[in-house]
Amino acid sequence: MYAQALNTVTEVSKDDPAKLAAFQARIDAEEKIEPNDWMPEGYRKTLVRQISQHAHSEIVGMLPEGNWITRAPSLKRKAALLAKVQDEGGHGLYLYSAAETLGVSREELVDALHSGRAKYSSIFNYPTPSWADMGMIGWLVDGAAIMNQIPLCRTSFGPYARAMIRICKEESFHQRQGYEIVMTLARGTPAQKKMAQDSLNRWWWPALMMFGPSDSASQHSDQNMKWKIKRFSNDALRQKFIDATVPQGHFLGLTFPDPDLKFNEATGHWEHGEIDWAEFNRVVKGEGPCNRERIKARIKAHDEGAWVREAALAHAEKRAARKAAARIAAE
């Protein structure tokens, strides 16, 4: 998921015990918490961090795909990819809006991203050198995101849960679109199948890392599970993704880059090899193949779009002044 912020430290609450107990009772009763409701400060800060990182990931995630819009192999592929990138921008808008209901401004959130104080999903710090990567991002990256994000439709914070319902519907379409691209390549010429296999070799392990550290290393998720921000553990979601994805890859005749991958008849699950968590930590800390490139591109786009924000603000102020003048005249 674009939600690795849930693996960071959750602030220990110093709120009134009676209020905390009443709040937890609402959570346990599956009531949605709304922006004007009382909430522990740790809950609010966790949500700001989680939702903003999710929003940042949607926006930064437009970059590796946007690079291929003009180079897609057909007009149909160009139009579909353009629509997908547009969807991701919309997802970022929904999520920034949800975060703003918690009392933080969008300017603060964007500044945190540009300054390096806020993170986004590690997966978007990898390059996309071939067209097959567009299929692999849809099939694997969006597929992993769906596994994480469907439970968020039932997260305890109302605005976030409602935003996720629409986002998950669109992500599901993106996943099917990506799988169709990979299927076309896998059933194409030997060169096309090789392109698909090479892309799978590069994206498989980073996709598994999207779920965050193993449960044994994720020490701060218990409170998030108690608050029902998070519904399932990292390893449980990762296993569900592997069990769903490996048969799909075998159906296409592709080989997963994991010599230890095997099906356990007793458990009914696919067992995988050791994930390189050292690589994961390097990328999260800003040392991935494209970390600097991604942030540089985001800052450049933000600076070049300043005139649009200024024009929109001036227009809004002008409309507000006209409405105020009309109201005064009517009185």
C-alpha atoms as a PDB file:
ATOM      1  CA  MET A   1       0.000   0.000   0.000  1.00  0.00           C
ATOM      2  CA  TYR A   2       1.017   3.595  -0.191  1.00  0.00           C
ATOM      3  CA  ALA A   3       0.839   3.470   3.602  1.00  0.00           C
ATOM      4  CA  GLN A   4       4.214   2.652   5.079  1.00  0.00           C
ATOM      5  CA  ALA A   5       3.652   5.510   7.557  1.00  0.00           C
ATOM      6  CA  LEU A   6       1.597   3.079   9.632  1.00  0.00           C
ATOM      7  CA  ASN A   7       4.854   1.356  10.562  1.00  0.00           C
ATOM      8  CA  THR A   8       6.252   4.416  12.344  1.00  0.00           C
ATOM      9  CA  VAL A   9       5.996   5.250  16.015  1.00  0.00           C
ATOM     10  CA  THR A  10       2.520   6.088  17.285  1.00  0.00           C
ATOM     11  CA  GLU A  11       2.476   8.862  19.844  1.00  0.00           C
ATOM     12  CA  VAL A  12       1.589   7.710  23.356  1.00  0.00           C
ATOM     13  CA  SER A  13      -1.596   9.506  24.348  1.00  0.00           C
ATOM     14  CA  LYS A  14      -1.770  11.697  27.478  1.00  0.00           C
ATOM     15  CA  ASP A  15      -5.461  12.450  27.025  1.00  0.00           C
ATOM     16  CA  ASP A  16      -8.157  12.136  29.662  1.00  0.00           C
ATOM     17  CA  PRO A  17      -8.672   8.415  30.481  1.00  0.00           C
ATOM     18  CA  ALA A  18     -12.453   8.756  30.463  1.00  0.00           C
ATOM     19  CA  LYS A  19     -12.426  10.345  27.022  1.00  0.00           C
ATOM     20  CA  LEU A  20     -10.008   7.685  25.755  1.00  0.00           C
ATOM     21  CA  ALA A  21     -12.292   4.929  27.033  1.00  0.00           C
ATOM     22  CA  ALA A  22     -15.349   6.492  25.376  1.00  0.00           C
ATOM     23  CA  PHE A  23     -13.418   6.950  22.136  1.00  0.00           C
ATOM     24  CA  GLN A  24     -12.260   3.326  22.139  1.00  0.00           C
ATOM     25  CA  ALA A  25     -15.818   2.186  22.811  1.00  0.00           C
ATOM     26  CA  ARG A  26     -16.945   3.964  19.657  1.00  0.00           C
ATOM     27  CA  ILE A  27     -14.115   2.334  17.685  1.00  0.00           C
ATOM     28  CA  ASP A  28     -15.028  -1.101  19.046  1.00  0.00           C
ATOM     29  CA  ALA A  29     -18.650  -0.495  18.060  1.00  0.00           C
ATOM     30  CA  GLU A  30     -17.485   0.194  14.474  1.00  0.00           C
ATOM     31  CA  GLU A  31     -18.671   3.811  14.584  1.00  0.00           C
ATOM     32  CA  LYS A  32     -16.985   6.209  12.176  1.00  0.00           C
ATOM     33  CA  ILE A  33     -14.984   9.046  13.706  1.00  0.00           C
ATOM     34  CA  GLU A  34     -15.733  12.368  12.015  1.00  0.00           C
ATOM     35  CA  PRO A  35     -13.544  15.512  11.916  1.00  0.00           C
ATOM     36  CA  ASN A  36     -15.528  17.417  14.558  1.00  0.00           C
ATOM     37  CA  ASP A  37     -15.557  14.490  16.986  1.00  0.00           C
ATOM     38  CA  TRP A  38     -13.153  14.334  19.898  1.00  0.00           C
ATOM     39  CA  MET A  39     -10.133  12.142  19.153  1.00  0.00           C
ATOM     40  CA  PRO A  40      -6.802  11.414  20.873  1.00  0.00           C
ATOM     41  CA  GLU A  41      -3.941  13.538  19.598  1.00  0.00           C
ATOM     42  CA  GLY A  42      -2.003  10.401  18.731  1.00  0.00           C
ATOM     43  CA  TYR A  43      -4.905   9.215  16.559  1.00  0.00           C
ATOM     44  CA  ARG A  44      -5.056  12.553  14.756  1.00  0.00           C
ATOM     45  CA  LYS A  45      -1.298  12.692  14.150  1.00  0.00           C
ATOM     46  CA  THR A  46      -1.193   9.108  12.946  1.00  0.00           C
ATOM     47  CA  LEU A  47      -3.965   9.824  10.446  1.00  0.00           C
ATOM     48  CA  VAL A  48      -2.313  13.024   9.201  1.00  0.00           C
ATOM     49  CA  ARG A  49       0.913  11.119   8.625  1.00  0.00           C
ATOM     50  CA  GLN A  50      -0.855   8.137   7.039  1.00  0.00           C
ATOM     51  CA  ILE A  51      -3.262  10.006   4.769  1.00  0.00           C
ATOM     52  CA  SER A  52      -0.695  12.583   3.646  1.00  0.00           C
ATOM     53  CA  GLN A  53       1.826   9.875   2.781  1.00  0.00           C
ATOM     54  CA  HIS A  54      -0.889   8.116   0.815  1.00  0.00           C
ATOM     55  CA  ALA A  55      -1.674  11.368  -1.028  1.00  0.00           C
ATOM     56  CA  HIS A  56       2.021  12.020  -1.723  1.00  0.00           C
ATOM     57  CA  SER A  57       2.339   8.502  -3.127  1.00  0.00           C
ATOM     58  CA  GLU A  58      -0.535   9.023  -5.545  1.00  0.00           C
ATOM     59  CA  ILE A  59       0.979  12.283  -6.811  1.00  0.00           C
ATOM     60  CA  VAL A  60       4.574  11.050  -7.050  1.00  0.00           C
ATOM     61  CA  GLY A  61       3.243   7.843  -8.589  1.00  0.00           C
ATOM     62  CA  MET A  62       2.109   9.837 -11.614  1.00  0.00           C
ATOM     63  CA  LEU A  63       5.754  10.469 -12.589  1.00  0.00           C
ATOM     64  CA  PRO A  64       6.999   7.018 -13.691  1.00  0.00           C
ATOM     65  CA  GLU A  65       3.845   6.499 -15.756  1.00  0.00           C
ATOM     66  CA  GLY A  66       3.533  10.022 -17.128  1.00  0.00           C
ATOM     67  CA  ASN A  67       6.941   9.513 -18.678  1.00  0.00           C
ATOM     68  CA  TRP A  68       5.405   6.885 -21.017  1.00  0.00           C
ATOM     69  CA  ILE A  69       2.267   8.682 -22.212  1.00  0.00           C
ATOM     70  CA  THR A  70       3.862  10.025 -25.394  1.00  0.00           C
ATOM     71  CA  ARG A  71       5.751   6.758 -26.023  1.00  0.00           C
ATOM     72  CA  ALA A  72       2.908   4.264 -25.575  1.00  0.00           C
ATOM     73  CA  PRO A  73       2.702   1.871 -28.564  1.00  0.00           C
ATOM     74  CA  SER A  74      -0.743   2.940 -29.817  1.00  0.00           C
ATOM     75  CA  LEU A  75      -3.300   5.727 -29.536  1.00  0.00           C
ATOM     76  CA  LYS A  76      -5.489   3.407 -27.454  1.00  0.00           C
ATOM     77  CA  ARG A  77      -2.636   2.776 -25.018  1.00  0.00           C
ATOM     78  CA  LYS A  78      -1.842   6.494 -24.827  1.00  0.00           C
ATOM     79  CA  ALA A  79      -5.447   7.373 -24.004  1.00  0.00           C
ATOM     80  CA  ALA A  80      -5.727   4.645 -21.359  1.00  0.00           C
ATOM     81  CA  LEU A  81      -2.464   5.603 -19.695  1.00  0.00           C
ATOM     82  CA  LEU A  82      -3.395   9.284 -19.740  1.00  0.00           C
ATOM     83  CA  ALA A  83      -6.714   8.449 -18.066  1.00  0.00           C
ATOM     84  CA  LYS A  84      -4.922   6.387 -15.433  1.00  0.00           C
ATOM     85  CA  VAL A  85      -2.459   9.162 -14.587  1.00  0.00           C
ATOM     86  CA  GLN A  86      -5.396  11.555 -14.328  1.00  0.00           C
ATOM     87  CA  ASP A  87      -7.078   9.149 -11.909  1.00  0.00           C
ATOM     88  CA  GLU A  88      -3.977   9.115  -9.698  1.00  0.00           C
ATOM     89  CA  GLY A  89      -4.031  12.909  -9.546  1.00  0.00           C
ATOM     90  CA  GLY A  90      -7.674  12.737  -8.472  1.00  0.00           C
ATOM     91  CA  HIS A  91      -6.801  10.231  -5.743  1.00  0.00           C
ATOM     92  CA  GLY A  92      -4.223  12.637  -4.391  1.00  0.00           C
ATOM     93  CA  LEU A  93      -6.858  15.399  -4.348  1.00  0.00           C
ATOM     94  CA  TYR A  94      -9.342  13.267  -2.373  1.00  0.00           C
ATOM     95  CA  LEU A  95      -6.688  12.301   0.142  1.00  0.00           C
ATOM     96  CA  TYR A  96      -5.253  15.787   0.670  1.00  0.00           C
ATOM     97  CA  SER A  97      -8.820  16.958   1.252  1.00  0.00           C
ATOM     98  CA  ALA A  98      -9.365  14.180   3.818  1.00  0.00           C
ATOM     99  CA  ALA A  99      -6.144  15.140   5.609  1.00  0.00           C
ATOM    100  CA  GLU A 100      -7.214  18.797   5.712  1.00  0.00           C
ATOM    101  CA  THR A 101     -10.274  17.851   7.768  1.00  0.00           C
ATOM    102  CA  LEU A 102      -7.799  16.994  10.558  1.00  0.00           C
ATOM    103  CA  GLY A 103      -6.656  20.603  10.832  1.00  0.00           C
ATOM    104  CA  VAL A 104      -3.571  20.609   8.622  1.00  0.00           C
ATOM    105  CA  SER A 105      -3.255  22.718   5.471  1.00  0.00           C
ATOM    106  CA  ARG A 106      -2.366  21.331   2.069  1.00  0.00           C
ATOM    107  CA  GLU A 107       0.519  23.797   1.885  1.00  0.00           C
ATOM    108  CA  GLU A 108       1.987  22.252   5.038  1.00  0.00           C
ATOM    109  CA  LEU A 109       1.644  18.758   3.618  1.00  0.00           C
ATOM    110  CA  VAL A 110       3.253  19.633   0.286  1.00  0.00           C
ATOM    111  CA  ASP A 111       6.081  21.509   2.006  1.00  0.00           C
ATOM    112  CA  ALA A 112       6.771  18.441   4.163  1.00  0.00           C
ATOM    113  CA  LEU A 113       7.071  16.314   1.010  1.00  0.00           C
ATOM    114  CA  HIS A 114       9.358  18.741  -0.804  1.00  0.00           C
ATOM    115  CA  SER A 115      11.614  19.222   2.225  1.00  0.00           C
ATOM    116  CA  GLY A 116      12.009  15.474   2.774  1.00  0.00           C
ATOM    117  CA  ARG A 117      10.170  15.468   6.113  1.00  0.00           C
ATOM    118  CA  ALA A 118       7.304  13.407   4.665  1.00  0.00           C
ATOM    119  CA  LYS A 119       7.645  10.103   2.863  1.00  0.00           C
ATOM    120  CA  TYR A 120       5.831   8.393   0.017  1.00  0.00           C
ATOM    121  CA  SER A 121       5.733   4.757  -1.051  1.00  0.00           C
ATOM    122  CA  SER A 122       9.182   3.298  -1.725  1.00  0.00           C
ATOM    123  CA  ILE A 123       7.907   1.634  -4.920  1.00  0.00           C
ATOM    124  CA  PHE A 124       7.915   4.893  -6.883  1.00  0.00           C
ATOM    125  CA  ASN A 125      11.671   5.317  -6.545  1.00  0.00           C
ATOM    126  CA  TYR A 126      12.367   2.688  -9.202  1.00  0.00           C
ATOM    127  CA  PRO A 127      12.857   3.498 -12.914  1.00  0.00           C
ATOM    128  CA  THR A 128      10.567   2.462 -15.781  1.00  0.00           C
ATOM    129  CA  PRO A 129      12.910   1.738 -18.723  1.00  0.00           C
ATOM    130  CA  SER A 130      10.432  -0.287 -20.825  1.00  0.00           C
ATOM    131  CA  TRP A 131       6.776  -0.247 -21.851  1.00  0.00           C
ATOM    132  CA  ALA A 132       6.319  -3.535 -19.963  1.00  0.00           C
ATOM    133  CA  ASP A 133       6.815  -1.570 -16.754  1.00  0.00           C
ATOM    134  CA  MET A 134       3.477   0.151 -17.361  1.00  0.00           C
ATOM    135  CA  GLY A 135       1.832  -3.246 -17.292  1.00  0.00           C
ATOM    136  CA  MET A 136       3.832  -4.409 -14.303  1.00  0.00           C
ATOM    137  CA  ILE A 137       2.980  -1.285 -12.289  1.00  0.00           C
ATOM    138  CA  GLY A 138      -0.710  -1.890 -12.959  1.00  0.00           C
ATOM    139  CA  TRP A 139      -0.603  -5.617 -12.254  1.00  0.00           C
ATOM    140  CA  LEU A 140       1.801  -5.712  -9.302  1.00  0.00           C
ATOM    141  CA  VAL A 141       1.952  -2.217  -7.791  1.00  0.00           C
ATOM    142  CA  ASP A 142      -1.742  -1.416  -8.092  1.00  0.00           C
ATOM    143  CA  GLY A 143      -2.535  -5.014  -7.180  1.00  0.00           C
ATOM    144  CA  ALA A 144      -0.533  -4.685  -3.957  1.00  0.00           C
ATOM    145  CA  ALA A 145      -2.139  -1.315  -3.296  1.00  0.00           C
ATOM    146  CA  ILE A 146      -5.618  -2.847  -3.627  1.00  0.00           C
ATOM    147  CA  MET A 147      -4.773  -5.548  -1.077  1.00  0.00           C
ATOM    148  CA  ASN A 148      -3.842  -2.809   1.363  1.00  0.00           C
ATOM    149  CA  GLN A 149      -6.497  -0.283   0.459  1.00  0.00           C
ATOM    150  CA  ILE A 150      -9.681  -2.368   0.419  1.00  0.00           C
ATOM    151  CA  PRO A 151      -9.505  -2.741   4.236  1.00  0.00           C
ATOM    152  CA  LEU A 152      -9.135   1.049   4.420  1.00  0.00           C
ATOM    153  CA  CYS A 153     -12.711   1.332   3.151  1.00  0.00           C
ATOM    154  CA  ARG A 154     -13.559   0.207   6.700  1.00  0.00           C
ATOM    155  CA  THR A 155     -10.975   2.338   8.494  1.00  0.00           C
ATOM    156  CA  SER A 156     -12.321   4.136  11.550  1.00  0.00           C
ATOM    157  CA  PHE A 157     -11.915   7.710  10.251  1.00  0.00           C
ATOM    158  CA  GLY A 158     -14.958   8.594   8.140  1.00  0.00           C
ATOM    159  CA  PRO A 159     -13.474  10.949   5.487  1.00  0.00           C
ATOM    160  CA  TYR A 160     -10.617   8.529   4.775  1.00  0.00           C
ATOM    161  CA  ALA A 161     -12.914   5.501   4.525  1.00  0.00           C
ATOM    162  CA  ARG A 162     -15.282   7.273   2.138  1.00  0.00           C
ATOM    163  CA  ALA A 163     -12.460   8.493  -0.100  1.00  0.00           C
ATOM    164  CA  MET A 164     -11.099   4.946  -0.305  1.00  0.00           C
ATOM    165  CA  ILE A 165     -14.328   3.513  -1.703  1.00  0.00           C
ATOM    166  CA  ARG A 166     -13.975   5.411  -4.971  1.00  0.00           C
ATOM    167  CA  ILE A 167     -10.190   5.067  -5.041  1.00  0.00           C
ATOM    168  CA  CYS A 168     -10.396   1.273  -4.728  1.00  0.00           C
ATOM    169  CA  LYS A 169     -12.887   1.028  -7.588  1.00  0.00           C
ATOM    170  CA  GLU A 170     -10.509   2.915  -9.871  1.00  0.00           C
ATOM    171  CA  GLU A 171      -7.421   1.054  -8.658  1.00  0.00           C
ATOM    172  CA  SER A 172      -9.158  -2.224  -9.429  1.00  0.00           C
ATOM    173  CA  PHE A 173      -9.614  -1.079 -13.016  1.00  0.00           C
ATOM    174  CA  HIS A 174      -5.943  -0.027 -13.164  1.00  0.00           C
ATOM    175  CA  GLN A 175      -4.876  -3.482 -11.978  1.00  0.00           C
ATOM    176  CA  ARG A 176      -6.905  -5.206 -14.693  1.00  0.00           C
ATOM    177  CA  GLN A 177      -5.543  -2.788 -17.288  1.00  0.00           C
ATOM    178  CA  GLY A 178      -1.968  -3.571 -16.218  1.00  0.00           C
ATOM    179  CA  TYR A 179      -2.534  -7.310 -16.312  1.00  0.00           C
ATOM    180  CA  GLU A 180      -3.931  -7.017 -19.843  1.00  0.00           C
ATOM    181  CA  ILE A 181      -0.750  -5.217 -20.960  1.00  0.00           C
ATOM    182  CA  VAL A 182       1.430  -7.926 -19.428  1.00  0.00           C
ATOM    183  CA  MET A 183      -0.737 -10.661 -20.973  1.00  0.00           C
ATOM    184  CA  THR A 184      -0.418  -9.095 -24.420  1.00  0.00           C
ATOM    185  CA  LEU A 185       3.369  -9.014 -24.100  1.00  0.00           C
ATOM    186  CA  ALA A 186       3.639 -12.506 -22.592  1.00  0.00           C
ATOM    187  CA  ARG A 187       1.645 -13.951 -25.502  1.00  0.00           C
ATOM    188  CA  GLY A 188       3.470 -11.896 -28.117  1.00  0.00           C
ATOM    189  CA  THR A 189       6.824 -12.332 -29.810  1.00  0.00           C
ATOM    190  CA  PRO A 190       9.820 -13.825 -27.968  1.00  0.00           C
ATOM    191  CA  ALA A 191      11.214 -10.292 -27.606  1.00  0.00           C
ATOM    192  CA  GLN A 192       7.944  -9.072 -26.082  1.00  0.00           C
ATOM    193  CA  LYS A 193       7.779 -11.977 -23.632  1.00  0.00           C
ATOM    194  CA  LYS A 194      11.396 -11.324 -22.661  1.00  0.00           C
ATOM    195  CA  MET A 195      10.462  -7.684 -22.015  1.00  0.00           C
ATOM    196  CA  ALA A 196       7.648  -8.804 -19.697  1.00  0.00           C
ATOM    197  CA  GLN A 197       9.897 -11.271 -17.873  1.00  0.00           C
ATOM    198  CA  ASP A 198      12.629  -8.683 -17.395  1.00  0.00           C
ATOM    199  CA  SER A 199      10.106  -6.241 -15.960  1.00  0.00           C
ATOM    200  CA  LEU A 200       8.746  -8.881 -13.556  1.00  0.00           C
ATOM    201  CA  ASN A 201      12.295  -9.603 -12.420  1.00  0.00           C
ATOM    202  CA  ARG A 202      12.770  -5.931 -11.504  1.00  0.00           C
ATOM    203  CA  TRP A 203       9.395  -5.228  -9.899  1.00  0.00           C
ATOM    204  CA  TRP A 204       8.565  -8.397  -7.941  1.00  0.00           C
ATOM    205  CA  TRP A 205      10.653  -7.752  -4.837  1.00  0.00           C
ATOM    206  CA  PRO A 206       9.904  -4.002  -4.594  1.00  0.00           C
ATOM    207  CA  ALA A 207       6.182  -4.885  -4.861  1.00  0.00           C
ATOM    208  CA  LEU A 208       6.488  -7.235  -1.877  1.00  0.00           C
ATOM    209  CA  MET A 209       8.246  -4.473   0.064  1.00  0.00           C
ATOM    210  CA  MET A 210       5.219  -2.205  -0.433  1.00  0.00           C
ATOM    211  CA  PHE A 211       3.493  -3.931   2.474  1.00  0.00           C
ATOM    212  CA  GLY A 212       6.133  -2.684   4.870  1.00  0.00           C
ATOM    213  CA  PRO A 213       8.442  -4.548   7.268  1.00  0.00           C
ATOM    214  CA  SER A 214       7.642  -8.044   8.509  1.00  0.00           C
ATOM    215  CA  ASP A 215       5.420  -8.235  11.558  1.00  0.00           C
ATOM    216  CA  SER A 216       8.388  -9.130  13.754  1.00  0.00           C
ATOM    217  CA  ALA A 217      10.059  -5.828  12.824  1.00  0.00           C
ATOM    218  CA  SER A 218       6.914  -3.676  12.791  1.00  0.00           C
ATOM    219  CA  GLN A 219       6.693  -2.733  16.445  1.00  0.00           C
ATOM    220  CA  HIS A 220       4.182   0.099  16.332  1.00  0.00           C
ATOM    221  CA  SER A 221       1.156  -1.319  14.546  1.00  0.00           C
ATOM    222  CA  ASP A 222      -0.690  -2.647  17.628  1.00  0.00           C
ATOM    223  CA  GLN A 223      -2.190   0.747  18.522  1.00  0.00           C
ATOM    224  CA  ASN A 224      -3.158   1.370  14.903  1.00  0.00           C
ATOM    225  CA  MET A 225      -4.920  -2.006  14.843  1.00  0.00           C
ATOM    226  CA  LYS A 226      -6.668  -1.183  18.131  1.00  0.00           C
ATOM    227  CA  TRP A 227      -7.873   2.124  16.683  1.00  0.00           C
ATOM    228  CA  LYS A 228      -8.913   0.220  13.535  1.00  0.00           C
ATOM    229  CA  ILE A 229      -6.939   2.538  11.297  1.00  0.00           C
ATOM    230  CA  LYS A 230      -5.169  -0.600  10.176  1.00  0.00           C
ATOM    231  CA  ARG A 231      -7.158  -3.841   9.887  1.00  0.00           C
ATOM    232  CA  PHE A 232      -4.582  -6.500   8.959  1.00  0.00           C
ATOM    233  CA  SER A 233      -0.890  -7.068   9.612  1.00  0.00           C
ATOM    234  CA  ASN A 234       1.787  -6.462   6.981  1.00  0.00           C
ATOM    235  CA  ASP A 235       2.627 -10.144   6.589  1.00  0.00           C
ATOM    236  CA  ALA A 236      -1.032 -11.192   6.318  1.00  0.00           C
ATOM    237  CA  LEU A 237      -1.615  -8.748   3.464  1.00  0.00           C
ATOM    238  CA  ARG A 238       1.653  -9.667   1.767  1.00  0.00           C
ATOM    239  CA  GLN A 239       0.704 -13.361   1.890  1.00  0.00           C
ATOM    240  CA  LYS A 240      -2.721 -12.649   0.444  1.00  0.00           C
ATOM    241  CA  PHE A 241      -1.104 -10.732  -2.421  1.00  0.00           C
ATOM    242  CA  ILE A 242       1.382 -13.513  -3.176  1.00  0.00           C
ATOM    243  CA  ASP A 243      -1.315 -16.196  -3.128  1.00  0.00           C
ATOM    244  CA  ALA A 244      -3.399 -14.205  -5.616  1.00  0.00           C
ATOM    245  CA  THR A 245      -0.565 -13.086  -7.892  1.00  0.00           C
ATOM    246  CA  VAL A 246       1.655 -16.141  -8.336  1.00  0.00           C
ATOM    247  CA  PRO A 247      -1.019 -18.231 -10.125  1.00  0.00           C
ATOM    248  CA  GLN A 248      -1.696 -15.265 -12.429  1.00  0.00           C
ATOM    249  CA  GLY A 249       1.979 -15.097 -13.382  1.00  0.00           C
ATOM    250  CA  HIS A 250       2.178 -18.847 -13.978  1.00  0.00           C
ATOM    251  CA  PHE A 251      -0.908 -18.639 -16.202  1.00  0.00           C
ATOM    252  CA  LEU A 252       1.030 -16.152 -18.362  1.00  0.00           C
ATOM    253  CA  GLY A 253       4.044 -18.434 -18.507  1.00  0.00           C
ATOM    254  CA  LEU A 254       6.245 -16.054 -16.511  1.00  0.00           C
ATOM    255  CA  THR A 255       8.803 -17.042 -13.883  1.00  0.00           C
ATOM    256  CA  PHE A 256       9.069 -15.263 -10.560  1.00  0.00           C
ATOM    257  CA  PRO A 257      12.594 -14.193  -9.548  1.00  0.00           C
ATOM    258  CA  ASP A 258      12.517 -16.190  -6.320  1.00  0.00           C
ATOM    259  CA  PRO A 259      14.176 -19.633  -6.307  1.00  0.00           C
ATOM    260  CA  ASP A 260      12.623 -20.333  -2.891  1.00  0.00           C
ATOM    261  CA  LEU A 261       9.062 -19.723  -4.062  1.00  0.00           C
ATOM    262  CA  LYS A 262       7.024 -22.903  -3.484  1.00  0.00           C
ATOM    263  CA  PHE A 263       3.481 -23.966  -2.708  1.00  0.00           C
ATOM    264  CA  ASN A 264       2.857 -25.462   0.721  1.00  0.00           C
ATOM    265  CA  GLU A 265       0.140 -28.091   0.381  1.00  0.00           C
ATOM    266  CA  ALA A 266      -0.391 -28.207   4.130  1.00  0.00           C
ATOM    267  CA  THR A 267      -1.108 -24.502   4.560  1.00  0.00           C
ATOM    268  CA  GLY A 268      -2.485 -23.760   1.110  1.00  0.00           C
ATOM    269  CA  HIS A 269      -0.126 -20.775   0.764  1.00  0.00           C
ATOM    270  CA  TRP A 270       2.819 -19.880  -1.440  1.00  0.00           C
ATOM    271  CA  GLU A 271       6.029 -19.537   0.565  1.00  0.00           C
ATOM    272  CA  HIS A 272       8.583 -16.956  -0.583  1.00  0.00           C
ATOM    273  CA  GLY A 273      12.278 -16.323  -0.060  1.00  0.00           C
ATOM    274  CA  GLU A 274      13.898 -13.721   2.147  1.00  0.00           C
ATOM    275  CA  ILE A 275      13.139 -10.094   1.273  1.00  0.00           C
ATOM    276  CA  ASP A 276      16.110  -7.715   1.129  1.00  0.00           C
ATOM    277  CA  TRP A 277      15.067  -5.331   3.883  1.00  0.00           C
ATOM    278  CA  ALA A 278      18.404  -3.529   3.659  1.00  0.00           C
ATOM    279  CA  GLU A 279      17.407  -2.358   0.182  1.00  0.00           C
ATOM    280  CA  PHE A 280      13.992  -1.335   1.460  1.00  0.00           C
ATOM    281  CA  ASN A 281      15.542   0.767   4.215  1.00  0.00           C
ATOM    282  CA  ARG A 282      17.963   2.421   1.772  1.00  0.00           C
ATOM    283  CA  VAL A 283      15.126   3.448  -0.539  1.00  0.00           C
ATOM    284  CA  VAL A 284      12.947   4.713   2.329  1.00  0.00           C
ATOM    285  CA  LYS A 285      15.867   6.812   3.561  1.00  0.00           C
ATOM    286  CA  GLY A 286      16.215   8.481   0.159  1.00  0.00           C
ATOM    287  CA  GLU A 287      18.934   6.377  -1.451  1.00  0.00           C
ATOM    288  CA  GLY A 288      16.882   4.584  -4.101  1.00  0.00           C
ATOM    289  CA  PRO A 289      17.521   4.772  -7.853  1.00  0.00           C
ATOM    290  CA  CYS A 290      15.092   7.674  -8.408  1.00  0.00           C
ATOM    291  CA  ASN A 291      14.501   9.358  -5.020  1.00  0.00           C
ATOM    292  CA  ARG A 292      16.212  12.630  -5.882  1.00  0.00           C
ATOM    293  CA  GLU A 293      14.769  12.665  -9.394  1.00  0.00           C
ATOM    294  CA  ARG A 294      11.201  12.236  -8.122  1.00  0.00           C
ATOM    295  CA  ILE A 295      11.392  15.047  -5.554  1.00  0.00           C
ATOM    296  CA  LYS A 296      13.151  17.350  -8.002  1.00  0.00           C
ATOM    297  CA  ALA A 297      10.377  16.771 -10.546  1.00  0.00           C
ATOM    298  CA  ARG A 298       7.666  17.428  -7.956  1.00  0.00           C
ATOM    299  CA  ILE A 299       9.268  20.689  -6.807  1.00  0.00           C
ATOM    300  CA  LYS A 300       9.690  21.816 -10.413  1.00  0.00           C
ATOM    301  CA  ALA A 301       6.036  21.084 -11.221  1.00  0.00           C
ATOM    302  CA  HIS A 302       4.886  22.858  -8.048  1.00  0.00           C
ATOM    303  CA  ASP A 303       6.939  25.959  -8.811  1.00  0.00           C
ATOM    304  CA  GLU A 304       5.814  26.097 -12.433  1.00  0.00           C
ATOM    305  CA  GLY A 305       2.179  25.766 -11.338  1.00  0.00           C
ATOM    306  CA  ALA A 306       2.338  28.708  -8.931  1.00  0.00           C
ATOM    307  CA  TRP A 307       0.595  31.015 -11.420  1.00  0.00           C
ATOM    308  CA  VAL A 308      -2.372  28.619 -11.633  1.00  0.00           C
ATOM    309  CA  ARG A 309      -2.816  28.618  -7.852  1.00  0.00           C
ATOM    310  CA  GLU A 310      -2.490  32.415  -7.753  1.00  0.00           C
ATOM    311  CA  ALA A 311      -5.050  32.830 -10.547  1.00  0.00           C
ATOM    312  CA  ALA A 312      -7.504  30.455  -8.854  1.00  0.00           C
ATOM    313  CA  LEU A 313      -7.127  32.339  -5.567  1.00  0.00           C
ATOM    314  CA  ALA A 314      -7.653  35.713  -7.250  1.00  0.00           C
ATOM    315  CA  HIS A 315     -10.766  34.386  -9.002  1.00  0.00           C
ATOM    316  CA  ALA A 316     -12.161  33.023  -5.727  1.00  0.00           C
ATOM    317  CA  GLU A 317     -11.534  36.310  -3.946  1.00  0.00           C
ATOM    318  CA  LYS A 318     -13.198  38.224  -6.786  1.00  0.00           C
ATOM    319  CA  ARG A 319     -16.290  36.012  -6.634  1.00  0.00           C
ATOM    320  CA  ALA A 320     -16.475  36.364  -2.856  1.00  0.00           C
ATOM    321  CA  ALA A 321     -16.252  40.157  -3.145  1.00  0.00           C
ATOM    322  CA  ARG A 322     -19.056  40.209  -5.725  1.00  0.00           C
ATOM    323  CA  LYS A 323     -21.298  38.063  -3.513  1.00  0.00           C
ATOM    324  CA  ALA A 324     -20.593  40.305  -0.510  1.00  0.00           C
ATOM    325  CA  ALA A 325     -21.376  43.433  -2.542  1.00  0.00           C
ATOM    326  CA  ALA A 326     -24.626  41.876  -3.841  1.00  0.00           C
ATOM    327  CA  ARG A 327     -25.660  40.921  -0.311  1.00  0.00           C
ATOM    328  CA  ILE A 328     -25.017  44.455   0.968  1.00  0.00           C
ATOM    329  CA  ALA A 329     -26.964  45.960  -1.917  1.00  0.00           C
ATOM    330  CA  ALA A 330     -29.894  43.628  -1.210  1.00  0.00           C
ATOM    331  CA  GLU A 331     -29.992  44.752   2.395  1.00  0.00           C
END
